[in-house]
């Protein structure tokens, strides 16, 4: 059973700076995941051709259950506000998604918030730090049956690029999950493998760099586990024809 995570950069390819929905669907097919966590997902946005990228991915992989959760509602450059979960199903939004080829037993949404104030960040080529406001973050959680019959809780998250706040969000997510076991926490956690493992207390199932996609030098995308999720029989990262991240996957027996 393959569990995969992919920050899709709203379907855009850095090579030609375009969103091609057909190319995105083919990338999802190639990844061939049974449970797929996506981050930076558009719904009804002009920049991605007003497509519902979650629905495109669901059809491509043959998912029987899927859930898109908005972190932001509206359109970049226009109205762009924190999502509440009360948005209309076809409203323009941006967030994360979790998809499964197996029927999902239950869903949970965990709102992780954003830093309480702008934070100074130093960017490459900049002599002075700049004040940056991070966006709201969210996690989506599903209880998924496995072929052996036992359910596993899968949590997909896209955490803040502000290091200390990402740690706060990860701890907040784990508190919301309680004693869920077996558990997989997957997604773009925006932190190193050692830090993600230390903060969460979970064991990493994958250790390969995922960013930037052409020549990855750091691992931002993770699959972390607690409990008897089954032996790992394969794992890896895949450069696909879109995004600035590589997709990451773990095959569990």
C-alpha atoms as a PDB file:
ATOM      1  CA  UNK A   1       0.000   0.000   0.000  1.00  0.00           C
ATOM      2  CA  UNK A   2       1.603   3.246  -1.132  1.00  0.00           C
ATOM      3  CA  UNK A   3       1.363   6.455   0.889  1.00  0.00           C
ATOM      4  CA  UNK A   4       2.636   9.557  -0.888  1.00  0.00           C
ATOM      5  CA  UNK A   5       2.950  13.287  -0.291  1.00  0.00           C
ATOM      6  CA  UNK A   6       3.440  15.996  -2.910  1.00  0.00           C
ATOM      7  CA  UNK A   7       3.585  19.772  -2.665  1.00  0.00           C
ATOM      8  CA  UNK A   8       2.242  20.520  -6.150  1.00  0.00           C
ATOM      9  CA  UNK A   9       2.901  24.301  -6.370  1.00  0.00           C
ATOM     10  CA  UNK A  10      -0.771  24.665  -7.471  1.00  0.00           C
ATOM     11  CA  UNK A  11       0.075  22.436 -10.447  1.00  0.00           C
ATOM     12  CA  UNK A  12       2.609  24.829 -11.939  1.00  0.00           C
ATOM     13  CA  UNK A  13       5.802  23.755 -13.682  1.00  0.00           C
ATOM     14  CA  UNK A  14       8.814  26.009 -12.986  1.00  0.00           C
ATOM     15  CA  UNK A  15      10.140  25.043 -16.430  1.00  0.00           C
ATOM     16  CA  UNK A  16       7.440  26.788 -18.485  1.00  0.00           C
ATOM     17  CA  UNK A  17       5.596  28.639 -15.665  1.00  0.00           C
ATOM     18  CA  UNK A  18       2.280  27.069 -16.709  1.00  0.00           C
ATOM     19  CA  UNK A  19      -0.402  24.984 -15.060  1.00  0.00           C
ATOM     20  CA  UNK A  20      -1.344  22.122 -17.386  1.00  0.00           C
ATOM     21  CA  UNK A  21      -4.158  20.084 -15.848  1.00  0.00           C
ATOM     22  CA  UNK A  22      -3.465  17.124 -18.146  1.00  0.00           C
ATOM     23  CA  UNK A  23       0.186  17.123 -17.115  1.00  0.00           C
ATOM     24  CA  UNK A  24      -0.857  17.237 -13.476  1.00  0.00           C
ATOM     25  CA  UNK A  25      -3.205  14.265 -13.939  1.00  0.00           C
ATOM     26  CA  UNK A  26      -0.461  12.239 -15.623  1.00  0.00           C
ATOM     27  CA  UNK A  27       1.937  13.026 -12.756  1.00  0.00           C
ATOM     28  CA  UNK A  28      -0.618  11.745 -10.233  1.00  0.00           C
ATOM     29  CA  UNK A  29      -1.096   8.568 -12.277  1.00  0.00           C
ATOM     30  CA  UNK A  30       2.667   8.038 -12.397  1.00  0.00           C
ATOM     31  CA  UNK A  31       2.961   8.391  -8.627  1.00  0.00           C
ATOM     32  CA  UNK A  32       0.365   5.571  -8.283  1.00  0.00           C
ATOM     33  CA  UNK A  33      -0.454   6.219  -4.622  1.00  0.00           C
ATOM     34  CA  UNK A  34      -3.181   4.457  -2.665  1.00  0.00           C
ATOM     35  CA  UNK A  35      -3.312   7.367  -0.207  1.00  0.00           C
ATOM     36  CA  UNK A  36      -2.109  10.728  -1.514  1.00  0.00           C
ATOM     37  CA  UNK A  37      -1.479  13.924   0.461  1.00  0.00           C
ATOM     38  CA  UNK A  38      -1.297  17.129  -1.583  1.00  0.00           C
ATOM     39  CA  UNK A  39      -0.240  20.604  -0.511  1.00  0.00           C
ATOM     40  CA  UNK A  40      -0.562  24.003  -2.246  1.00  0.00           C
ATOM     41  CA  UNK A  41      -3.764  22.915  -3.962  1.00  0.00           C
ATOM     42  CA  UNK A  42      -5.952  25.319  -5.970  1.00  0.00           C
ATOM     43  CA  UNK A  43      -9.699  25.205  -6.388  1.00  0.00           C
ATOM     44  CA  UNK A  44     -11.379  27.458  -8.939  1.00  0.00           C
ATOM     45  CA  UNK A  45      -8.375  29.797  -9.288  1.00  0.00           C
ATOM     46  CA  UNK A  46      -7.676  31.745 -12.519  1.00  0.00           C
ATOM     47  CA  UNK A  47      -3.970  30.813 -12.371  1.00  0.00           C
ATOM     48  CA  UNK A  48      -4.855  27.110 -12.656  1.00  0.00           C
ATOM     49  CA  UNK A  49      -7.609  27.424 -15.226  1.00  0.00           C
ATOM     50  CA  UNK A  50     -10.404  27.431 -12.609  1.00  0.00           C
ATOM     51  CA  UNK A  51      -9.843  23.684 -12.161  1.00  0.00           C
ATOM     52  CA  UNK A  52     -10.639  21.707  -9.039  1.00  0.00           C
ATOM     53  CA  UNK A  53      -7.205  20.106  -8.728  1.00  0.00           C
ATOM     54  CA  UNK A  54      -8.375  17.732  -5.994  1.00  0.00           C
ATOM     55  CA  UNK A  55     -11.071  16.340  -8.276  1.00  0.00           C
ATOM     56  CA  UNK A  56      -8.552  16.055 -11.132  1.00  0.00           C
ATOM     57  CA  UNK A  57      -6.185  14.084  -8.883  1.00  0.00           C
ATOM     58  CA  UNK A  58      -9.009  11.877  -7.581  1.00  0.00           C
ATOM     59  CA  UNK A  59     -10.026  10.850 -11.088  1.00  0.00           C
ATOM     60  CA  UNK A  60      -6.413  10.290 -12.139  1.00  0.00           C
ATOM     61  CA  UNK A  61      -5.581   7.942  -9.256  1.00  0.00           C
ATOM     62  CA  UNK A  62      -8.982   6.288  -8.900  1.00  0.00           C
ATOM     63  CA  UNK A  63      -9.680   7.645  -5.429  1.00  0.00           C
ATOM     64  CA  UNK A  64     -13.018   6.640  -3.901  1.00  0.00           C
ATOM     65  CA  UNK A  65     -12.765   9.229  -1.131  1.00  0.00           C
ATOM     66  CA  UNK A  66     -11.104  12.618  -1.050  1.00  0.00           C
ATOM     67  CA  UNK A  67     -11.259  15.874   0.875  1.00  0.00           C
ATOM     68  CA  UNK A  68     -10.013  19.359   0.013  1.00  0.00           C
ATOM     69  CA  UNK A  69      -9.567  21.720   2.957  1.00  0.00           C
ATOM     70  CA  UNK A  70      -9.049  25.420   2.300  1.00  0.00           C
ATOM     71  CA  UNK A  71      -6.440  27.375   4.210  1.00  0.00           C
ATOM     72  CA  UNK A  72      -7.192  30.571   2.278  1.00  0.00           C
ATOM     73  CA  UNK A  73     -10.392  31.700   0.577  1.00  0.00           C
ATOM     74  CA  UNK A  74     -10.527  34.002  -2.425  1.00  0.00           C
ATOM     75  CA  UNK A  75      -8.017  34.804  -5.139  1.00  0.00           C
ATOM     76  CA  UNK A  76      -4.387  35.962  -4.837  1.00  0.00           C
ATOM     77  CA  UNK A  77      -4.074  39.677  -5.598  1.00  0.00           C
ATOM     78  CA  UNK A  78      -7.761  40.249  -4.858  1.00  0.00           C
ATOM     79  CA  UNK A  79      -9.715  38.992  -1.841  1.00  0.00           C
ATOM     80  CA  UNK A  80      -7.426  36.578   0.019  1.00  0.00           C
ATOM     81  CA  UNK A  81      -8.471  35.777   3.582  1.00  0.00           C
ATOM     82  CA  UNK A  82      -8.210  32.953   6.085  1.00  0.00           C
ATOM     83  CA  UNK A  83     -10.670  30.168   5.328  1.00  0.00           C
ATOM     84  CA  UNK A  84     -13.191  29.197   7.977  1.00  0.00           C
ATOM     85  CA  UNK A  85     -14.546  25.947   6.550  1.00  0.00           C
ATOM     86  CA  UNK A  86     -17.879  27.623   5.770  1.00  0.00           C
ATOM     87  CA  UNK A  87     -16.975  28.421   2.143  1.00  0.00           C
ATOM     88  CA  UNK A  88     -19.214  27.236  -0.705  1.00  0.00           C
ATOM     89  CA  UNK A  89     -18.063  24.006  -2.425  1.00  0.00           C
ATOM     90  CA  UNK A  90     -17.166  25.825  -5.652  1.00  0.00           C
ATOM     91  CA  UNK A  91     -15.671  28.957  -4.063  1.00  0.00           C
ATOM     92  CA  UNK A  92     -12.155  29.999  -5.080  1.00  0.00           C
ATOM     93  CA  UNK A  93      -9.741  28.658  -2.476  1.00  0.00           C
ATOM     94  CA  UNK A  94      -6.257  27.314  -1.785  1.00  0.00           C
ATOM     95  CA  UNK A  95      -5.228  24.636   0.674  1.00  0.00           C
ATOM     96  CA  UNK A  96      -4.459  20.937   1.030  1.00  0.00           C
ATOM     97  CA  UNK A  97      -6.097  17.664   0.056  1.00  0.00           C
ATOM     98  CA  UNK A  98      -6.088  14.022   1.082  1.00  0.00           C
ATOM     99  CA  UNK A  99      -7.206  11.292  -1.308  1.00  0.00           C
ATOM    100  CA  UNK A 100      -7.676   7.549  -0.845  1.00  0.00           C
ATOM    101  CA  UNK A 101      -8.391   4.513  -3.005  1.00  0.00           C
ATOM    102  CA  UNK A 102      -9.925   2.966   0.126  1.00  0.00           C
ATOM    103  CA  UNK A 103     -13.163   4.219   1.731  1.00  0.00           C
ATOM    104  CA  UNK A 104     -12.386   6.669   4.539  1.00  0.00           C
ATOM    105  CA  UNK A 105     -13.988   5.870   7.878  1.00  0.00           C
ATOM    106  CA  UNK A 106     -13.836   9.376   9.325  1.00  0.00           C
ATOM    107  CA  UNK A 107     -12.449  12.854   8.628  1.00  0.00           C
ATOM    108  CA  UNK A 108     -11.053  15.574  10.867  1.00  0.00           C
ATOM    109  CA  UNK A 109      -9.863  19.111  10.126  1.00  0.00           C
ATOM    110  CA  UNK A 110      -7.310  20.807  12.381  1.00  0.00           C
ATOM    111  CA  UNK A 111      -6.801  24.565  11.965  1.00  0.00           C
ATOM    112  CA  UNK A 112      -3.193  25.368  12.879  1.00  0.00           C
ATOM    113  CA  UNK A 113      -3.238  29.166  12.672  1.00  0.00           C
ATOM    114  CA  UNK A 114      -0.460  31.524  11.634  1.00  0.00           C
ATOM    115  CA  UNK A 115       2.253  33.463  13.491  1.00  0.00           C
ATOM    116  CA  UNK A 116       0.683  36.181  15.642  1.00  0.00           C
ATOM    117  CA  UNK A 117       2.770  38.923  14.010  1.00  0.00           C
ATOM    118  CA  UNK A 118       5.048  39.481  11.004  1.00  0.00           C
ATOM    119  CA  UNK A 119       8.441  37.869  11.482  1.00  0.00           C
ATOM    120  CA  UNK A 120      11.861  38.946  10.164  1.00  0.00           C
ATOM    121  CA  UNK A 121      13.205  36.611   7.460  1.00  0.00           C
ATOM    122  CA  UNK A 122      16.514  36.852   5.620  1.00  0.00           C
ATOM    123  CA  UNK A 123      16.289  35.793   1.967  1.00  0.00           C
ATOM    124  CA  UNK A 124      19.106  34.818  -0.357  1.00  0.00           C
ATOM    125  CA  UNK A 125      20.648  37.930  -1.915  1.00  0.00           C
ATOM    126  CA  UNK A 126      19.057  40.280   0.615  1.00  0.00           C
ATOM    127  CA  UNK A 127      21.340  42.283   2.899  1.00  0.00           C
ATOM    128  CA  UNK A 128      18.661  42.962   5.498  1.00  0.00           C
ATOM    129  CA  UNK A 129      15.853  40.880   6.967  1.00  0.00           C
ATOM    130  CA  UNK A 130      12.355  41.545   5.685  1.00  0.00           C
ATOM    131  CA  UNK A 131       9.144  41.381   7.695  1.00  0.00           C
ATOM    132  CA  UNK A 132       6.988  38.546   6.369  1.00  0.00           C
ATOM    133  CA  UNK A 133       3.414  37.533   7.160  1.00  0.00           C
ATOM    134  CA  UNK A 134       2.819  33.811   6.855  1.00  0.00           C
ATOM    135  CA  UNK A 135      -0.504  32.372   5.693  1.00  0.00           C
ATOM    136  CA  UNK A 136      -2.882  30.342   7.869  1.00  0.00           C
ATOM    137  CA  UNK A 137      -2.118  26.624   7.940  1.00  0.00           C
ATOM    138  CA  UNK A 138      -4.405  23.599   8.227  1.00  0.00           C
ATOM    139  CA  UNK A 139      -4.265  19.814   8.470  1.00  0.00           C
ATOM    140  CA  UNK A 140      -6.706  17.184   7.231  1.00  0.00           C
ATOM    141  CA  UNK A 141      -6.936  13.787   8.909  1.00  0.00           C
ATOM    142  CA  UNK A 142      -8.503  10.549   7.653  1.00  0.00           C
ATOM    143  CA  UNK A 143      -8.990   7.100   9.133  1.00  0.00           C
ATOM    144  CA  UNK A 144      -8.223   4.693   6.290  1.00  0.00           C
ATOM    145  CA  UNK A 145      -8.675   0.894   6.257  1.00  0.00           C
ATOM    146  CA  UNK A 146      -5.755  -1.212   5.080  1.00  0.00           C
ATOM    147  CA  UNK A 147      -5.850  -4.473   3.103  1.00  0.00           C
ATOM    148  CA  UNK A 148      -5.197  -6.405   6.317  1.00  0.00           C
ATOM    149  CA  UNK A 149      -8.362  -4.887   7.767  1.00  0.00           C
ATOM    150  CA  UNK A 150      -6.866  -2.600  10.391  1.00  0.00           C
ATOM    151  CA  UNK A 151      -7.393   1.171  10.087  1.00  0.00           C
ATOM    152  CA  UNK A 152      -4.565   3.717  10.095  1.00  0.00           C
ATOM    153  CA  UNK A 153      -4.935   7.413  10.866  1.00  0.00           C
ATOM    154  CA  UNK A 154      -3.301   9.612   8.211  1.00  0.00           C
ATOM    155  CA  UNK A 155      -2.729  13.327   8.836  1.00  0.00           C
ATOM    156  CA  UNK A 156      -1.693  15.626   5.984  1.00  0.00           C
ATOM    157  CA  UNK A 157      -0.203  18.999   6.931  1.00  0.00           C
ATOM    158  CA  UNK A 158       1.560  21.924   5.307  1.00  0.00           C
ATOM    159  CA  UNK A 159       3.353  23.776   8.101  1.00  0.00           C
ATOM    160  CA  UNK A 160       4.794  27.264   8.335  1.00  0.00           C
ATOM    161  CA  UNK A 161       8.153  28.218   6.831  1.00  0.00           C
ATOM    162  CA  UNK A 162       8.742  30.202  10.034  1.00  0.00           C
ATOM    163  CA  UNK A 163      10.796  27.622  11.921  1.00  0.00           C
ATOM    164  CA  UNK A 164       9.686  28.131  15.511  1.00  0.00           C
ATOM    165  CA  UNK A 165       6.027  28.493  14.519  1.00  0.00           C
ATOM    166  CA  UNK A 166       6.145  25.310  12.444  1.00  0.00           C
ATOM    167  CA  UNK A 167       7.171  23.525  15.631  1.00  0.00           C
ATOM    168  CA  UNK A 168       4.199  25.031  17.454  1.00  0.00           C
ATOM    169  CA  UNK A 169       1.888  23.844  14.670  1.00  0.00           C
ATOM    170  CA  UNK A 170       3.280  20.309  14.675  1.00  0.00           C
ATOM    171  CA  UNK A 171       2.773  20.017  18.437  1.00  0.00           C
ATOM    172  CA  UNK A 172      -0.738  21.446  18.065  1.00  0.00           C
ATOM    173  CA  UNK A 173      -1.550  18.838  15.416  1.00  0.00           C
ATOM    174  CA  UNK A 174      -0.299  15.971  17.572  1.00  0.00           C
ATOM    175  CA  UNK A 175      -2.377  17.169  20.535  1.00  0.00           C
ATOM    176  CA  UNK A 176      -5.446  17.195  18.282  1.00  0.00           C
ATOM    177  CA  UNK A 177      -4.685  13.635  17.147  1.00  0.00           C
ATOM    178  CA  UNK A 178      -4.515  12.416  20.730  1.00  0.00           C
ATOM    179  CA  UNK A 179      -3.483   8.793  21.043  1.00  0.00           C
ATOM    180  CA  UNK A 180      -4.269   7.780  17.453  1.00  0.00           C
ATOM    181  CA  UNK A 181      -2.333   4.580  16.756  1.00  0.00           C
ATOM    182  CA  UNK A 182      -1.253   3.472  14.211  1.00  0.00           C
ATOM    183  CA  UNK A 183      -0.584   6.927  12.842  1.00  0.00           C
ATOM    184  CA  UNK A 184       1.072   8.475   9.794  1.00  0.00           C
ATOM    185  CA  UNK A 185       1.843  12.205   9.688  1.00  0.00           C
ATOM    186  CA  UNK A 186       2.736  13.234   6.147  1.00  0.00           C
ATOM    187  CA  UNK A 187       3.229  16.426   4.218  1.00  0.00           C
ATOM    188  CA  UNK A 188       5.411  19.446   3.637  1.00  0.00           C
ATOM    189  CA  UNK A 189       6.460  20.155   7.214  1.00  0.00           C
ATOM    190  CA  UNK A 190       8.980  22.834   6.216  1.00  0.00           C
ATOM    191  CA  UNK A 191      11.598  21.455   8.600  1.00  0.00           C
ATOM    192  CA  UNK A 192      14.453  18.974   8.573  1.00  0.00           C
ATOM    193  CA  UNK A 193      14.033  15.268   9.233  1.00  0.00           C
ATOM    194  CA  UNK A 194      15.850  15.423  12.573  1.00  0.00           C
ATOM    195  CA  UNK A 195      13.752  18.356  13.789  1.00  0.00           C
ATOM    196  CA  UNK A 196      10.454  16.806  12.656  1.00  0.00           C
ATOM    197  CA  UNK A 197      11.311  13.555  14.457  1.00  0.00           C
ATOM    198  CA  UNK A 198      12.493  15.325  17.617  1.00  0.00           C
ATOM    199  CA  UNK A 199       9.415  17.547  17.915  1.00  0.00           C
ATOM    200  CA  UNK A 200       6.864  14.868  17.046  1.00  0.00           C
ATOM    201  CA  UNK A 201       8.444  11.848  18.720  1.00  0.00           C
ATOM    202  CA  UNK A 202       7.470   9.876  15.594  1.00  0.00           C
ATOM    203  CA  UNK A 203       9.809   7.693  13.562  1.00  0.00           C
ATOM    204  CA  UNK A 204      10.703   8.699  10.002  1.00  0.00           C
ATOM    205  CA  UNK A 205       9.927   6.157   7.270  1.00  0.00           C
ATOM    206  CA  UNK A 206      11.742   8.112   4.544  1.00  0.00           C
ATOM    207  CA  UNK A 207      15.099   9.893   4.524  1.00  0.00           C
ATOM    208  CA  UNK A 208      15.769  11.540   1.145  1.00  0.00           C
ATOM    209  CA  UNK A 209      16.012  15.211   0.128  1.00  0.00           C
ATOM    210  CA  UNK A 210      12.931  16.587  -1.648  1.00  0.00           C
ATOM    211  CA  UNK A 211      13.679  20.282  -2.290  1.00  0.00           C
ATOM    212  CA  UNK A 212      14.441  21.934  -4.645  1.00  0.00           C
ATOM    213  CA  UNK A 213      13.198  19.441  -7.213  1.00  0.00           C
ATOM    214  CA  UNK A 214      15.988  19.526  -9.833  1.00  0.00           C
ATOM    215  CA  UNK A 215      18.831  19.014  -7.339  1.00  0.00           C
ATOM    216  CA  UNK A 216      17.328  18.474  -3.890  1.00  0.00           C
ATOM    217  CA  UNK A 217      19.514  19.397  -0.941  1.00  0.00           C
ATOM    218  CA  UNK A 218      17.060  19.292   1.978  1.00  0.00           C
ATOM    219  CA  UNK A 219      14.128  17.190   3.061  1.00  0.00           C
ATOM    220  CA  UNK A 220      11.011  19.250   3.734  1.00  0.00           C
ATOM    221  CA  UNK A 221       8.472  16.533   2.877  1.00  0.00           C
ATOM    222  CA  UNK A 222       8.055  13.705   5.357  1.00  0.00           C
ATOM    223  CA  UNK A 223       6.330  10.458   6.252  1.00  0.00           C
ATOM    224  CA  UNK A 224       6.390   9.957  10.036  1.00  0.00           C
ATOM    225  CA  UNK A 225       4.889   7.001  11.866  1.00  0.00           C
ATOM    226  CA  UNK A 226       3.679   5.786  15.250  1.00  0.00           C
ATOM    227  CA  UNK A 227       2.606   2.264  16.024  1.00  0.00           C
ATOM    228  CA  UNK A 228       2.302  -0.818  13.838  1.00  0.00           C
ATOM    229  CA  UNK A 229       1.899   0.651  10.365  1.00  0.00           C
ATOM    230  CA  UNK A 230       3.534  -2.397   8.785  1.00  0.00           C
ATOM    231  CA  UNK A 231       7.021  -3.052   7.382  1.00  0.00           C
ATOM    232  CA  UNK A 232       8.430  -0.572   4.876  1.00  0.00           C
ATOM    233  CA  UNK A 233       9.024  -2.482   1.623  1.00  0.00           C
ATOM    234  CA  UNK A 234       9.958   0.510  -0.515  1.00  0.00           C
ATOM    235  CA  UNK A 235      10.381   4.273  -0.414  1.00  0.00           C
ATOM    236  CA  UNK A 236      11.733   7.087  -2.520  1.00  0.00           C
ATOM    237  CA  UNK A 237      11.290  10.506  -4.069  1.00  0.00           C
ATOM    238  CA  UNK A 238      10.201  11.265  -7.620  1.00  0.00           C
ATOM    239  CA  UNK A 239      10.820  14.345  -9.744  1.00  0.00           C
ATOM    240  CA  UNK A 240       7.624  14.970 -11.696  1.00  0.00           C
ATOM    241  CA  UNK A 241       7.048  17.531 -14.483  1.00  0.00           C
ATOM    242  CA  UNK A 242       5.616  20.157 -12.136  1.00  0.00           C
ATOM    243  CA  UNK A 243       6.365  21.781  -8.780  1.00  0.00           C
ATOM    244  CA  UNK A 244       9.553  22.844  -7.031  1.00  0.00           C
ATOM    245  CA  UNK A 245       9.323  19.808  -4.705  1.00  0.00           C
ATOM    246  CA  UNK A 246       9.814  16.145  -5.442  1.00  0.00           C
ATOM    247  CA  UNK A 247       7.006  13.814  -4.470  1.00  0.00           C
ATOM    248  CA  UNK A 248       7.833  11.379  -1.672  1.00  0.00           C
ATOM    249  CA  UNK A 249       6.371   7.918  -1.125  1.00  0.00           C
ATOM    250  CA  UNK A 250       6.524   4.963   1.242  1.00  0.00           C
ATOM    251  CA  UNK A 251       5.276   1.454   0.425  1.00  0.00           C
ATOM    252  CA  UNK A 252       4.006  -0.471   3.440  1.00  0.00           C
ATOM    253  CA  UNK A 253       3.342  -4.207   3.494  1.00  0.00           C
END
